[in-house]
Amino acid sequence: PHNPRGYFEDAGLVALHSRMPLAAT
């Protein structure tokens, strides 16, 4: 609903990006 046209982002890369700070903290 916040971006009805889509984000044009690869879901796997977004998931990796979310895990990286946790692994580095």
PDB file of all heavy atoms in Angstrom:
ATOM      1  N   PRO A   1       0.813  -1.221   0.000  1.00  0.00           N
ATOM      2  CA  PRO A   1       0.000   0.000   0.000  1.00  0.00           C
ATOM      3  C   PRO A   1       0.852   1.278   0.000  1.00  0.00           C
ATOM      4  O   PRO A   1       0.434   2.294  -0.526  1.00  0.00           O
ATOM      5  CB  PRO A   1      -0.817  -0.112   1.288  1.00  0.00           C
ATOM      6  CG  PRO A   1      -0.903  -1.578   1.557  1.00  0.00           C
ATOM      7  CD  PRO A   1       0.412  -2.136   1.087  1.00  0.00           C
ATOM      8  N   HIS A   2       2.047   1.200   0.575  1.00  0.00           N
ATOM      9  CA  HIS A   2       2.935   2.368   0.611  1.00  0.00           C
ATOM     10  C   HIS A   2       3.638   2.597  -0.726  1.00  0.00           C
ATOM     11  O   HIS A   2       4.106   3.695  -0.998  1.00  0.00           O
ATOM     12  CB  HIS A   2       3.986   2.215   1.710  1.00  0.00           C
ATOM     13  CG  HIS A   2       3.394   2.164   3.072  1.00  0.00           C
ATOM     14  ND1 HIS A   2       2.839   3.257   3.698  1.00  0.00           N
ATOM     15  CD2 HIS A   2       3.256   1.131   3.935  1.00  0.00           C
ATOM     16  CE1 HIS A   2       2.385   2.904   4.883  1.00  0.00           C
ATOM     17  NE2 HIS A   2       2.620   1.614   5.049  1.00  0.00           N
ATOM     18  N   ASN A   3       3.754   1.543  -1.526  1.00  0.00           N
ATOM     19  CA  ASN A   3       4.418   1.646  -2.829  1.00  0.00           C
ATOM     20  C   ASN A   3       3.706   0.715  -3.808  1.00  0.00           C
ATOM     21  O   ASN A   3       4.200  -0.372  -4.116  1.00  0.00           O
ATOM     22  CB  ASN A   3       5.901   1.281  -2.696  1.00  0.00           C
ATOM     23  CG  ASN A   3       6.706   1.742  -3.892  1.00  0.00           C
ATOM     24  OD1 ASN A   3       6.164   2.057  -4.928  1.00  0.00           O
ATOM     25  ND2 ASN A   3       8.013   1.761  -3.738  1.00  0.00           N
ATOM     26  N   PRO A   4       2.528   1.114  -4.307  1.00  0.00           N
ATOM     27  CA  PRO A   4       1.721   0.223  -5.145  1.00  0.00           C
ATOM     28  C   PRO A   4       2.355  -0.131  -6.488  1.00  0.00           C
ATOM     29  O   PRO A   4       1.970  -1.118  -7.107  1.00  0.00           O
ATOM     30  CB  PRO A   4       0.413   0.982  -5.331  1.00  0.00           C
ATOM     31  CG  PRO A   4       0.723   2.406  -5.017  1.00  0.00           C
ATOM     32  CD  PRO A   4       1.881   2.397  -4.060  1.00  0.00           C
ATOM     33  N   ARG A   5       3.328   0.620  -6.959  1.00  0.00           N
ATOM     34  CA  ARG A   5       4.003   0.285  -8.219  1.00  0.00           C
ATOM     35  C   ARG A   5       5.105  -0.745  -8.031  1.00  0.00           C
ATOM     36  O   ARG A   5       5.626  -1.293  -8.987  1.00  0.00           O
ATOM     37  CB  ARG A   5       4.592   1.537  -8.851  1.00  0.00           C
ATOM     38  CG  ARG A   5       3.533   2.503  -9.319  1.00  0.00           C
ATOM     39  CD  ARG A   5       4.152   3.671 -10.006  1.00  0.00           C
ATOM     40  NE  ARG A   5       3.130   4.648 -10.362  1.00  0.00           N
ATOM     41  CZ  ARG A   5       3.376   5.870 -10.746  1.00  0.00           C
ATOM     42  NH1 ARG A   5       4.631   6.283 -10.822  1.00  0.00           N
ATOM     43  NH2 ARG A   5       2.401   6.684 -11.037  1.00  0.00           N
ATOM     44  N   GLY A   6       5.476  -0.991  -6.792  1.00  0.00           N
ATOM     45  CA  GLY A   6       6.499  -1.983  -6.491  1.00  0.00           C
ATOM     46  C   GLY A   6       7.816  -1.332  -6.112  1.00  0.00           C
ATOM     47  O   GLY A   6       8.016  -0.131  -6.285  1.00  0.00           O
ATOM     48  N   TYR A   7       8.708  -2.164  -5.585  1.00  0.00           N
ATOM     49  CA  TYR A   7       9.994  -1.678  -5.097  1.00  0.00           C
ATOM     50  C   TYR A   7      11.138  -1.966  -6.071  1.00  0.00           C
ATOM     51  O   TYR A   7      12.218  -1.408  -5.932  1.00  0.00           O
ATOM     52  CB  TYR A   7      10.301  -2.307  -3.733  1.00  0.00           C
ATOM     53  CG  TYR A   7       9.351  -1.831  -2.671  1.00  0.00           C
ATOM     54  CD1 TYR A   7       8.169  -2.510  -2.411  1.00  0.00           C
ATOM     55  CD2 TYR A   7       9.618  -0.682  -1.948  1.00  0.00           C
ATOM     56  CE1 TYR A   7       7.288  -2.064  -1.446  1.00  0.00           C
ATOM     57  CE2 TYR A   7       8.746  -0.220  -0.978  1.00  0.00           C
ATOM     58  CZ  TYR A   7       7.583  -0.919  -0.738  1.00  0.00           C
ATOM     59  OH  TYR A   7       6.714  -0.461   0.213  1.00  0.00           O
ATOM     60  N   PHE A   8      10.926  -2.873  -7.008  1.00  0.00           N
ATOM     61  CA  PHE A   8      11.939  -3.212  -8.013  1.00  0.00           C
ATOM     62  C   PHE A   8      13.237  -3.653  -7.339  1.00  0.00           C
ATOM     63  O   PHE A   8      14.325  -3.282  -7.754  1.00  0.00           O
ATOM     64  CB  PHE A   8      12.166  -2.045  -8.977  1.00  0.00           C
ATOM     65  CG  PHE A   8      10.912  -1.639  -9.701  1.00  0.00           C
ATOM     66  CD1 PHE A   8      10.099  -0.640  -9.208  1.00  0.00           C
ATOM     67  CD2 PHE A   8      10.523  -2.300 -10.858  1.00  0.00           C
ATOM     68  CE1 PHE A   8       8.925  -0.286  -9.859  1.00  0.00           C
ATOM     69  CE2 PHE A   8       9.356  -1.964 -11.515  1.00  0.00           C
ATOM     70  CZ  PHE A   8       8.552  -0.953 -11.006  1.00  0.00           C
ATOM     71  N   GLU A   9      13.101  -4.442  -6.252  1.00  0.00           N
ATOM     72  CA  GLU A   9      14.244  -4.952  -5.504  1.00  0.00           C
ATOM     73  C   GLU A   9      14.182  -6.464  -5.456  1.00  0.00           C
ATOM     74  O   GLU A   9      13.112  -7.050  -5.255  1.00  0.00           O
ATOM     75  CB  GLU A   9      14.239  -4.412  -4.071  1.00  0.00           C
ATOM     76  CG  GLU A   9      14.354  -2.910  -3.981  1.00  0.00           C
ATOM     77  CD  GLU A   9      14.212  -2.407  -2.546  1.00  0.00           C
ATOM     78  OE1 GLU A   9      13.805  -3.187  -1.664  1.00  0.00           O
ATOM     79  OE2 GLU A   9      14.502  -1.223  -2.324  1.00  0.00           O
ATOM     80  N   ASP A  10      15.329  -7.114  -5.593  1.00  0.00           N
ATOM     81  CA  ASP A  10      15.409  -8.559  -5.491  1.00  0.00           C
ATOM     82  C   ASP A  10      15.203  -8.965  -4.029  1.00  0.00           C
ATOM     83  O   ASP A  10      15.908  -8.484  -3.138  1.00  0.00           O
ATOM     84  CB  ASP A  10      16.769  -9.042  -5.986  1.00  0.00           C
ATOM     85  CG  ASP A  10      16.893 -10.548  -5.915  1.00  0.00           C
ATOM     86  OD1 ASP A  10      16.381 -11.225  -6.823  1.00  0.00           O
ATOM     87  OD2 ASP A  10      17.486 -11.032  -4.928  1.00  0.00           O
ATOM     88  N   ALA A  11      14.233  -9.842  -3.777  1.00  0.00           N
ATOM     89  CA  ALA A  11      13.878 -10.221  -2.406  1.00  0.00           C
ATOM     90  C   ALA A  11      15.040 -10.907  -1.690  1.00  0.00           C
ATOM     91  O   ALA A  11      15.260 -10.676  -0.501  1.00  0.00           O
ATOM     92  CB  ALA A  11      12.639 -11.109  -2.417  1.00  0.00           C
ATOM     93  N   GLY A  12      15.788 -11.742  -2.378  1.00  0.00           N
ATOM     94  CA  GLY A  12      16.925 -12.420  -1.759  1.00  0.00           C
ATOM     95  C   GLY A  12      18.019 -11.451  -1.350  1.00  0.00           C
ATOM     96  O   GLY A  12      18.620 -11.591  -0.270  1.00  0.00           O
ATOM     97  N   LEU A  13      18.283 -10.464  -2.179  1.00  0.00           N
ATOM     98  CA  LEU A  13      19.301  -9.469  -1.854  1.00  0.00           C
ATOM     99  C   LEU A  13      18.844  -8.591  -0.692  1.00  0.00           C
ATOM    100  O   LEU A  13      19.638  -8.241   0.183  1.00  0.00           O
ATOM    101  CB  LEU A  13      19.619  -8.620  -3.082  1.00  0.00           C
ATOM    102  CG  LEU A  13      20.832  -7.716  -2.982  1.00  0.00           C
ATOM    103  CD1 LEU A  13      22.090  -8.503  -2.663  1.00  0.00           C
ATOM    104  CD2 LEU A  13      21.017  -6.944  -4.278  1.00  0.00           C
ATOM    105  N   VAL A  14      17.563  -8.266  -0.623  1.00  0.00           N
ATOM    106  CA  VAL A  14      17.027  -7.497   0.500  1.00  0.00           C
ATOM    107  C   VAL A  14      17.168  -8.297   1.796  1.00  0.00           C
ATOM    108  O   VAL A  14      17.553  -7.757   2.841  1.00  0.00           O
ATOM    109  CB  VAL A  14      15.555  -7.092   0.247  1.00  0.00           C
ATOM    110  CG1 VAL A  14      14.918  -6.506   1.498  1.00  0.00           C
ATOM    111  CG2 VAL A  14      15.476  -6.108  -0.904  1.00  0.00           C
ATOM    112  N   ALA A  15      16.892  -9.601   1.739  1.00  0.00           N
ATOM    113  CA  ALA A  15      17.033 -10.456   2.926  1.00  0.00           C
ATOM    114  C   ALA A  15      18.498 -10.517   3.373  1.00  0.00           C
ATOM    115  O   ALA A  15      18.785 -10.435   4.574  1.00  0.00           O
ATOM    116  CB  ALA A  15      16.497 -11.851   2.636  1.00  0.00           C
ATOM    117  N   LEU A  16      19.422 -10.646   2.432  1.00  0.00           N
ATOM    118  CA  LEU A  16      20.852 -10.642   2.763  1.00  0.00           C
ATOM    119  C   LEU A  16      21.240  -9.320   3.409  1.00  0.00           C
ATOM    120  O   LEU A  16      21.930  -9.300   4.429  1.00  0.00           O
ATOM    121  CB  LEU A  16      21.688 -10.886   1.508  1.00  0.00           C
ATOM    122  CG  LEU A  16      23.199 -10.740   1.682  1.00  0.00           C
ATOM    123  CD1 LEU A  16      23.742 -11.814   2.612  1.00  0.00           C
ATOM    124  CD2 LEU A  16      23.890 -10.789   0.333  1.00  0.00           C
ATOM    125  N   HIS A  17      20.771  -8.231   2.847  1.00  0.00           N
ATOM    126  CA  HIS A  17      21.073  -6.907   3.383  1.00  0.00           C
ATOM    127  C   HIS A  17      20.563  -6.765   4.814  1.00  0.00           C
ATOM    128  O   HIS A  17      21.183  -6.102   5.645  1.00  0.00           O
ATOM    129  CB  HIS A  17      20.453  -5.832   2.484  1.00  0.00           C
ATOM    130  CG  HIS A  17      20.737  -4.447   2.933  1.00  0.00           C
ATOM    131  ND1 HIS A  17      19.819  -3.695   3.622  1.00  0.00           N
ATOM    132  CD2 HIS A  17      21.844  -3.675   2.805  1.00  0.00           C
ATOM    133  CE1 HIS A  17      20.339  -2.510   3.903  1.00  0.00           C
ATOM    134  NE2 HIS A  17      21.559  -2.475   3.420  1.00  0.00           N
ATOM    135  N   SER A  18      19.441  -7.389   5.132  1.00  0.00           N
ATOM    136  CA  SER A  18      18.895  -7.337   6.488  1.00  0.00           C
ATOM    137  C   SER A  18      19.717  -8.178   7.463  1.00  0.00           C
ATOM    138  O   SER A  18      19.818  -7.836   8.639  1.00  0.00           O
ATOM    139  CB  SER A  18      17.453  -7.830   6.494  1.00  0.00           C
ATOM    140  OG  SER A  18      16.645  -6.973   5.729  1.00  0.00           O
ATOM    141  N   ARG A  19      20.304  -9.290   6.995  1.00  0.00           N
ATOM    142  CA  ARG A  19      21.092 -10.165   7.870  1.00  0.00           C
ATOM    143  C   ARG A  19      22.497  -9.639   8.124  1.00  0.00           C
ATOM    144  O   ARG A  19      23.085  -9.908   9.173  1.00  0.00           O
ATOM    145  CB  ARG A  19      21.189 -11.563   7.259  1.00  0.00           C
ATOM    146  CG  ARG A  19      19.896 -12.330   7.273  1.00  0.00           C
ATOM    147  CD  ARG A  19      20.096 -13.802   6.912  1.00  0.00           C
ATOM    148  NE  ARG A  19      20.856 -14.023   5.698  1.00  0.00           N
ATOM    149  CZ  ARG A  19      20.338 -14.184   4.469  1.00  0.00           C
ATOM    150  NH1 ARG A  19      19.028 -14.126   4.308  1.00  0.00           N
ATOM    151  NH2 ARG A  19      21.107 -14.389   3.428  1.00  0.00           N
ATOM    152  N   MET A  20      23.062  -8.909   7.190  1.00  0.00           N
ATOM    153  CA  MET A  20      24.455  -8.479   7.313  1.00  0.00           C
ATOM    154  C   MET A  20      24.723  -7.630   8.551  1.00  0.00           C
ATOM    155  O   MET A  20      25.693  -7.904   9.272  1.00  0.00           O
ATOM    156  CB  MET A  20      24.892  -7.757   6.042  1.00  0.00           C
ATOM    157  CG  MET A  20      25.057  -8.689   4.866  1.00  0.00           C
ATOM    158  SD  MET A  20      25.323  -7.859   3.290  1.00  0.00           S
ATOM    159  CE  MET A  20      26.836  -6.990   3.573  1.00  0.00           C
ATOM    160  N   PRO A  21      23.936  -6.606   8.884  1.00  0.00           N
ATOM    161  CA  PRO A  21      24.223  -5.832  10.101  1.00  0.00           C
ATOM    162  C   PRO A  21      24.121  -6.670  11.375  1.00  0.00           C
ATOM    163  O   PRO A  21      24.879  -6.480  12.308  1.00  0.00           O
ATOM    164  CB  PRO A  21      23.173  -4.725  10.094  1.00  0.00           C
ATOM    165  CG  PRO A  21      22.742  -4.618   8.678  1.00  0.00           C
ATOM    166  CD  PRO A  21      22.853  -5.995   8.122  1.00  0.00           C
ATOM    167  N   LEU A  22      23.183  -7.617  11.399  1.00  0.00           N
ATOM    168  CA  LEU A  22      23.059  -8.475  12.566  1.00  0.00           C
ATOM    169  C   LEU A  22      24.305  -9.322  12.753  1.00  0.00           C
ATOM    170  O   LEU A  22      24.785  -9.515  13.875  1.00  0.00           O
ATOM    171  CB  LEU A  22      21.820  -9.366  12.440  1.00  0.00           C
ATOM    172  CG  LEU A  22      20.481  -8.649  12.441  1.00  0.00           C
ATOM    173  CD1 LEU A  22      19.347  -9.630  12.179  1.00  0.00           C
ATOM    174  CD2 LEU A  22      20.268  -7.914  13.747  1.00  0.00           C
ATOM    175  N   ALA A  23      24.858  -9.823  11.666  1.00  0.00           N
ATOM    176  CA  ALA A  23      26.060 -10.649  11.733  1.00  0.00           C
ATOM    177  C   ALA A  23      27.288  -9.825  12.119  1.00  0.00           C
ATOM    178  O   ALA A  23      28.235 -10.356  12.690  1.00  0.00           O
ATOM    179  CB  ALA A  23      26.290 -11.342  10.391  1.00  0.00           C
ATOM    180  N   ALA A  24      27.274  -8.539  11.831  1.00  0.00           N
ATOM    181  CA  ALA A  24      28.430  -7.687  12.095  1.00  0.00           C
ATOM    182  C   ALA A  24      28.343  -6.951  13.425  1.00  0.00           C
ATOM    183  O   ALA A  24      29.250  -6.208  13.777  1.00  0.00           O
ATOM    184  CB  ALA A  24      28.582  -6.669  10.962  1.00  0.00           C
ATOM    185  N   THR A  25      27.269  -7.161  14.182  1.00  0.00           N
ATOM    186  CA  THR A  25      27.067  -6.450  15.436  1.00  0.00           C
ATOM    187  C   THR A  25      27.484  -7.337  16.598  1.00  0.00           C
ATOM    188  O   THR A  25      26.990  -8.457  16.742  1.00  0.00           O
ATOM    189  CB  THR A  25      25.585  -6.042  15.593  1.00  0.00           C
ATOM    190  OG1 THR A  25      25.220  -5.255  14.471  1.00  0.00           O
ATOM    191  CG2 THR A  25      25.371  -5.242  16.853  1.00  0.00           C
TER     192      THR A  25
END
